[in-house]
Amino acid sequence: MFSIKPSEVSTGKLHGYLLGAVAPRPIAFASTIDENGNPNLSPFSFFNVFGSNPPIMIFSPARRVRDNTTKHTLQNAETVKEVVINVVNYDIVQQMSLSSTEYPEGVNEFVKAGFTMLPSDEVKPFRVAESPVQFECKVKDIIYTGEEGGAGNLIVCEVVKIHIQEEVLDEHGQIDQYKIDLVARAGGSYYSRAREGFFEIPKPISTLGIGVDQIPNQIRNSTILTGNNLGMLGNVESLPSEKDVDNFAKDHPQFVGLEVLKKHTFAQQYLDKNDVESAWKVLLVK
């Protein structure tokens, strides 16, 4: 395995490794204003939500690696202490990218990128009207992690009002992950369209899985089944009963007396379809 000590590589190269490995990352499309009321708009992928009571978001306009300068967003957050965090979906991703251009101070990125400036209710910075969700925020704190190029500046924001386009809500009034069509940032020039990669995993918090350690050794040490396969098998609360396995065998006689590796292969096919119960029955048929 290739191993790195951060102190032994350039900041630029380390930056690339970090962003390539910690991905995809949500995007904070941050709208701020300076002390004279001039708007600024810029995207940041050092971003996430960190609490709901109070609702806290943190993003980091890091110091530029190439010349150790700071961004207008940071300067505005320091002076005005307000920001609107707009989420980015596939419909506006190209315009968002354009807005990240290093325009000189005073240039309005809303205008350059073709976005509509929407007045906020609780804070001074404008919202991006085209964004499906907009968070009006007060800056609670700024944590400076260093003074050299690449150092982060964690802007801790408390959400004071949320605006959601009704088009992205489901019948229960919750955000529909397919309708909102979010995008995320990866390494280099790569982005990810979230809804094209969705898959579901039952949350263990709602069940008490038996655990991989309780899976019989012959199955646990399989050369066919992967770690993900074992994780799915270990997330059941109990194994199928002997009666259920016998009934399954009657309906699927092709699995009776099958050699172990073939059983594992068929079980894996069921797991690929998220049919964990049938996978277990295949594995337990004698």
Protein backbone atom coordinates (compact mmCIF):
# COMPACT_ATOMS: atom_id res chain seq x y z
CA MET A 1 0.00 0.00 0.00
CA PHE A 2 1.18 3.50 -0.90
CA SER A 3 1.52 5.53 2.32
CA ILE A 4 1.99 9.26 2.79
CA LYS A 5 3.03 11.57 5.59
CA PRO A 6 1.38 14.96 4.96
CA SER A 7 4.57 16.78 5.95
CA GLU A 8 6.52 14.99 3.22
CA VAL A 9 4.45 15.99 0.16
CA SER A 10 3.54 19.34 -1.32
CA THR A 11 0.31 20.97 -0.21
CA GLY A 12 -1.01 20.83 -3.77
CA LYS A 13 -0.43 17.10 -4.07
CA LEU A 14 -1.87 16.45 -0.61
CA HIS A 15 -4.91 18.55 -1.55
CA GLY A 16 -5.46 16.29 -4.54
CA TYR A 17 -5.25 13.11 -2.48
CA LEU A 18 -7.69 14.46 0.12
CA LEU A 19 -10.28 15.59 -2.40
CA GLY A 20 -9.94 12.44 -4.47
CA ALA A 21 -10.46 10.16 -1.49
CA VAL A 22 -13.07 12.10 0.50
CA ALA A 23 -15.78 12.24 -2.14
CA PRO A 24 -18.41 12.92 -3.24
CA ARG A 25 -18.92 16.04 -1.14
CA PRO A 26 -22.06 18.20 -0.96
CA ILE A 27 -21.75 21.74 -2.27
CA ALA A 28 -22.44 24.91 -0.28
CA PHE A 29 -23.33 27.56 -2.85
CA ALA A 30 -22.67 30.48 -0.54
CA SER A 31 -24.14 33.92 -1.07
CA THR A 32 -22.69 36.79 0.97
CA ILE A 33 -22.44 40.56 0.80
CA ASP A 34 -19.63 42.90 1.77
CA GLU A 35 -19.94 45.85 4.15
CA ASN A 36 -20.99 48.08 1.24
CA GLY A 37 -23.80 45.73 0.19
CA ASN A 38 -22.05 44.23 -2.86
CA PRO A 39 -23.15 40.61 -3.46
CA ASN A 40 -20.81 37.65 -3.81
CA LEU A 41 -21.60 34.07 -4.81
CA SER A 42 -19.22 31.11 -4.68
CA PRO A 43 -19.38 27.29 -4.28
CA PHE A 44 -17.52 25.32 -1.61
CA SER A 45 -17.32 21.55 -1.26
CA PHE A 46 -15.80 21.56 2.22
CA PHE A 47 -19.34 21.52 3.61
CA ASN A 48 -21.92 19.58 5.60
CA VAL A 49 -24.73 19.79 8.17
CA PHE A 50 -23.69 19.20 11.78
CA GLY A 51 -26.84 19.40 13.88
CA SER A 52 -30.57 20.00 13.81
CA ASN A 53 -31.23 21.53 17.26
CA PRO A 54 -29.96 24.14 16.71
CA PRO A 55 -29.66 23.63 12.93
CA ILE A 56 -25.95 24.06 12.18
CA MET A 57 -24.07 23.98 8.89
CA ILE A 58 -20.33 24.41 8.44
CA PHE A 59 -18.44 25.21 5.26
CA SER A 60 -14.85 26.19 4.69
CA PRO A 61 -13.55 28.77 2.21
CA ALA A 62 -9.99 27.53 2.60
CA ARG A 63 -6.95 29.71 1.94
CA ARG A 64 -5.84 29.33 -1.67
CA VAL A 65 -3.07 26.77 -2.03
CA ARG A 66 -1.29 28.58 -4.85
CA ASP A 67 -0.79 31.99 -3.21
CA ASN A 68 -2.19 31.79 0.35
CA THR A 69 -4.84 34.44 -0.27
CA THR A 70 -8.33 34.34 1.25
CA LYS A 71 -11.65 34.42 -0.57
CA HIS A 72 -14.23 37.19 -0.63
CA THR A 73 -16.73 34.85 1.01
CA LEU A 74 -14.56 34.56 4.11
CA GLN A 75 -13.97 38.30 4.27
CA ASN A 76 -17.72 38.98 3.96
CA ALA A 77 -18.61 36.39 6.61
CA GLU A 78 -16.13 38.04 8.97
CA THR A 79 -17.63 41.51 8.54
CA VAL A 80 -21.36 40.99 7.88
CA LYS A 81 -21.73 37.61 9.65
CA GLU A 82 -24.59 36.40 7.46
CA VAL A 83 -24.76 33.95 4.56
CA VAL A 84 -27.25 32.09 2.43
CA ILE A 85 -26.31 28.49 1.62
CA ASN A 86 -28.03 27.37 -1.58
CA VAL A 87 -27.99 23.71 -2.60
CA VAL A 88 -26.89 22.75 -6.09
CA ASN A 89 -28.82 20.37 -8.31
CA TYR A 90 -28.18 19.11 -11.81
CA ASP A 91 -30.21 21.90 -13.42
CA ILE A 92 -27.80 24.60 -12.25
CA VAL A 93 -24.46 22.77 -11.98
CA GLN A 94 -22.90 24.39 -15.07
CA GLN A 95 -23.88 27.88 -13.92
CA MET A 96 -22.54 27.08 -10.45
CA SER A 97 -19.22 26.07 -11.98
CA LEU A 98 -19.06 29.30 -13.95
CA SER A 99 -19.63 31.32 -10.78
CA SER A 100 -16.48 29.78 -9.25
CA THR A 101 -14.34 31.79 -11.68
CA GLU A 102 -11.91 34.05 -9.83
CA TYR A 103 -13.56 37.32 -10.79
CA PRO A 104 -12.11 40.50 -9.26
CA GLU A 105 -13.69 42.11 -6.22
CA GLY A 106 -16.89 43.95 -7.07
CA VAL A 107 -17.94 41.65 -9.92
CA ASN A 108 -21.40 40.17 -9.33
CA GLU A 109 -21.26 36.39 -9.82
CA PHE A 110 -25.08 36.26 -9.87
CA VAL A 111 -25.00 38.29 -13.07
CA LYS A 112 -21.98 36.50 -14.57
CA ALA A 113 -23.54 33.06 -14.05
CA GLY A 114 -27.07 34.12 -15.02
CA PHE A 115 -28.73 33.57 -11.64
CA THR A 116 -31.68 35.48 -10.19
CA MET A 117 -31.03 37.45 -6.99
CA LEU A 118 -33.88 36.75 -4.59
CA PRO A 119 -34.15 38.89 -1.42
CA SER A 120 -33.91 36.98 1.85
CA ASP A 121 -36.32 37.38 4.77
CA GLU A 122 -34.00 37.18 7.79
CA VAL A 123 -30.53 38.04 6.46
CA LYS A 124 -28.99 40.56 4.05
CA PRO A 125 -27.36 38.26 1.41
CA PHE A 126 -29.49 37.29 -1.57
CA ARG A 127 -30.77 33.82 -2.32
CA VAL A 128 -30.26 31.96 -5.60
CA ALA A 129 -33.82 31.75 -6.91
CA GLU A 130 -32.95 28.77 -9.12
CA SER A 131 -31.67 26.67 -6.21
CA PRO A 132 -34.24 24.11 -4.98
CA VAL A 133 -33.40 24.74 -1.29
CA GLN A 134 -32.01 27.90 0.26
CA PHE A 135 -30.83 28.24 3.87
CA GLU A 136 -30.69 31.70 5.39
CA CYS A 137 -27.98 31.62 8.05
CA LYS A 138 -26.33 33.68 10.77
CA VAL A 139 -22.59 33.17 11.23
CA LYS A 140 -22.05 31.94 14.79
CA ASP A 141 -18.29 31.39 14.70
CA ILE A 142 -15.29 31.11 12.40
CA ILE A 143 -12.57 28.62 13.26
CA TYR A 144 -9.22 29.29 11.61
CA THR A 145 -7.14 26.12 11.25
CA GLY A 146 -3.91 27.71 10.02
CA GLU A 147 -2.22 30.60 8.27
CA GLU A 148 -0.58 28.84 5.33
CA GLY A 149 -2.01 28.10 1.88
CA GLY A 150 -4.59 25.31 2.04
CA ALA A 151 -5.60 26.00 5.65
CA GLY A 152 -9.32 25.78 6.35
CA ASN A 153 -11.57 28.48 7.77
CA LEU A 154 -14.63 26.79 9.25
CA ILE A 155 -17.65 29.08 9.05
CA VAL A 156 -20.19 27.83 11.59
CA CYS A 157 -23.68 28.88 10.51
CA GLU A 158 -27.03 28.64 12.26
CA VAL A 159 -29.98 28.24 9.93
CA VAL A 160 -32.68 30.82 10.67
CA LYS A 161 -34.99 30.17 7.71
CA ILE A 162 -35.32 27.52 4.99
CA HIS A 163 -36.95 27.93 1.58
CA ILE A 164 -37.86 24.79 -0.41
CA GLN A 165 -39.30 24.65 -3.91
CA GLU A 166 -42.54 22.69 -3.73
CA GLU A 167 -41.60 20.80 -6.90
CA VAL A 168 -39.00 18.75 -4.98
CA LEU A 169 -41.39 17.61 -2.22
CA ASP A 170 -43.14 14.24 -2.10
CA GLU A 171 -46.75 13.55 -1.12
CA HIS A 172 -45.76 13.65 2.58
CA GLY A 173 -44.11 17.06 2.33
CA GLN A 174 -40.59 15.59 2.56
CA ILE A 175 -37.77 16.20 0.09
CA ASP A 176 -37.81 13.61 -2.68
CA GLN A 177 -34.20 12.68 -3.42
CA TYR A 178 -34.99 11.93 -7.06
CA LYS A 179 -36.88 15.16 -7.65
CA ILE A 180 -34.27 17.38 -6.03
CA ASP A 181 -31.55 15.79 -8.22
CA LEU A 182 -28.55 16.97 -6.18
CA VAL A 183 -24.97 16.98 -7.40
CA ALA A 184 -21.76 16.58 -5.41
CA ARG A 185 -18.09 17.35 -5.91
CA ALA A 186 -15.35 14.75 -6.29
CA GLY A 187 -11.64 14.99 -7.09
CA GLY A 188 -10.22 16.94 -10.03
CA SER A 189 -12.96 18.16 -12.37
CA TYR A 190 -15.38 15.36 -11.47
CA TYR A 191 -18.89 15.71 -10.10
CA SER A 192 -21.49 13.13 -9.10
CA ARG A 193 -25.21 13.21 -9.90
CA ALA A 194 -26.59 11.76 -6.68
CA ARG A 195 -29.83 10.17 -7.87
CA GLU A 196 -28.05 8.08 -10.51
CA GLY A 197 -26.19 6.20 -7.80
CA PHE A 198 -28.84 5.63 -5.13
CA PHE A 199 -29.21 2.28 -3.40
CA GLU A 200 -30.91 1.37 -0.14
CA ILE A 201 -29.47 -0.30 2.96
CA PRO A 202 -31.78 -1.07 5.91
CA LYS A 203 -30.67 0.94 8.93
CA PRO A 204 -29.33 -1.35 11.70
CA ILE A 205 -30.70 1.13 14.25
CA SER A 206 -34.19 -0.28 13.60
CA THR A 207 -33.14 -3.91 13.89
CA LEU A 208 -30.67 -6.01 15.87
CA GLY A 209 -28.68 -7.89 13.28
CA ILE A 210 -27.12 -11.21 14.25
CA GLY A 211 -23.72 -9.96 13.09
CA VAL A 212 -21.11 -11.45 10.79
CA ASP A 213 -19.57 -13.29 13.75
CA GLN A 214 -22.72 -15.41 14.03
CA ILE A 215 -22.61 -16.56 10.42
CA PRO A 216 -21.44 -20.21 10.12
CA ASN A 217 -17.73 -20.48 9.28
CA GLN A 218 -18.34 -22.24 5.99
CA ILE A 219 -20.31 -19.23 4.80
CA ARG A 220 -18.19 -16.56 6.51
CA ASN A 221 -14.99 -17.92 4.94
CA SER A 222 -16.51 -18.20 1.47
CA THR A 223 -14.32 -17.45 -1.53
CA ILE A 224 -17.43 -16.28 -3.39
CA LEU A 225 -19.30 -14.06 -0.95
CA THR A 226 -17.89 -10.57 -0.44
CA GLY A 227 -17.69 -8.44 2.68
CA ASN A 228 -20.80 -6.56 1.53
CA ASN A 229 -22.60 -9.88 1.07
CA LEU A 230 -21.68 -10.94 4.62
CA GLY A 231 -22.82 -7.55 5.93
CA MET A 232 -26.24 -8.12 4.39
CA LEU A 233 -26.45 -11.64 5.78
CA GLY A 234 -25.43 -10.42 9.22
CA ASN A 235 -28.08 -7.69 9.26
CA VAL A 236 -31.00 -10.10 9.75
CA GLU A 237 -32.55 -10.39 13.20
CA SER A 238 -32.85 -14.18 12.96
CA LEU A 239 -32.22 -17.03 10.54
CA PRO A 240 -35.11 -18.60 8.61
CA SER A 241 -36.77 -21.42 10.54
CA GLU A 242 -36.10 -25.03 9.58
CA LYS A 243 -39.70 -25.24 8.36
CA ASP A 244 -39.26 -22.19 6.12
CA VAL A 245 -36.05 -23.66 4.67
CA ASP A 246 -37.76 -27.03 4.00
CA ASN A 247 -40.66 -25.30 2.25
CA PHE A 248 -38.20 -23.30 0.18
CA ALA A 249 -36.38 -26.50 -0.77
CA LYS A 250 -39.64 -28.10 -1.94
CA ASP A 251 -40.33 -25.11 -4.17
CA HIS A 252 -36.71 -24.93 -5.37
CA PRO A 253 -35.43 -28.52 -5.67
CA GLN A 254 -32.50 -27.33 -7.80
CA PHE A 255 -30.77 -26.15 -4.63
CA VAL A 256 -31.04 -29.45 -2.77
CA GLY A 257 -27.71 -31.29 -2.51
CA LEU A 258 -25.90 -28.53 -4.38
CA GLU A 259 -22.16 -28.17 -3.77
CA VAL A 260 -21.12 -25.37 -1.43
CA LEU A 261 -19.56 -22.94 -3.93
CA LYS A 262 -22.56 -23.14 -6.23
CA LYS A 263 -24.84 -22.46 -3.28
CA HIS A 264 -22.79 -19.39 -2.47
CA THR A 265 -23.01 -18.22 -6.08
CA PHE A 266 -26.80 -18.54 -6.16
CA ALA A 267 -27.10 -16.89 -2.75
CA GLN A 268 -25.03 -13.98 -4.05
CA GLN A 269 -27.45 -13.56 -6.95
CA TYR A 270 -30.31 -13.21 -4.47
CA LEU A 271 -28.29 -10.72 -2.45
CA ASP A 272 -27.68 -8.65 -5.58
CA LYS A 273 -31.49 -8.34 -5.76
CA ASN A 274 -31.68 -7.39 -2.03
CA ASP A 275 -33.51 -10.67 -1.30
CA VAL A 276 -31.61 -11.57 1.86
CA GLU A 277 -34.20 -14.06 3.11
CA SER A 278 -33.97 -16.21 -0.02
CA ALA A 279 -30.18 -15.99 0.06
CA TRP A 280 -30.18 -17.41 3.57
CA LYS A 281 -32.55 -20.18 2.57
CA VAL A 282 -30.30 -21.19 -0.33
CA LEU A 283 -27.34 -21.29 2.02
CA LEU A 284 -29.21 -23.41 4.60
CA VAL A 285 -30.78 -25.92 2.21
CA LYS A 286 -29.23 -29.39 2.71
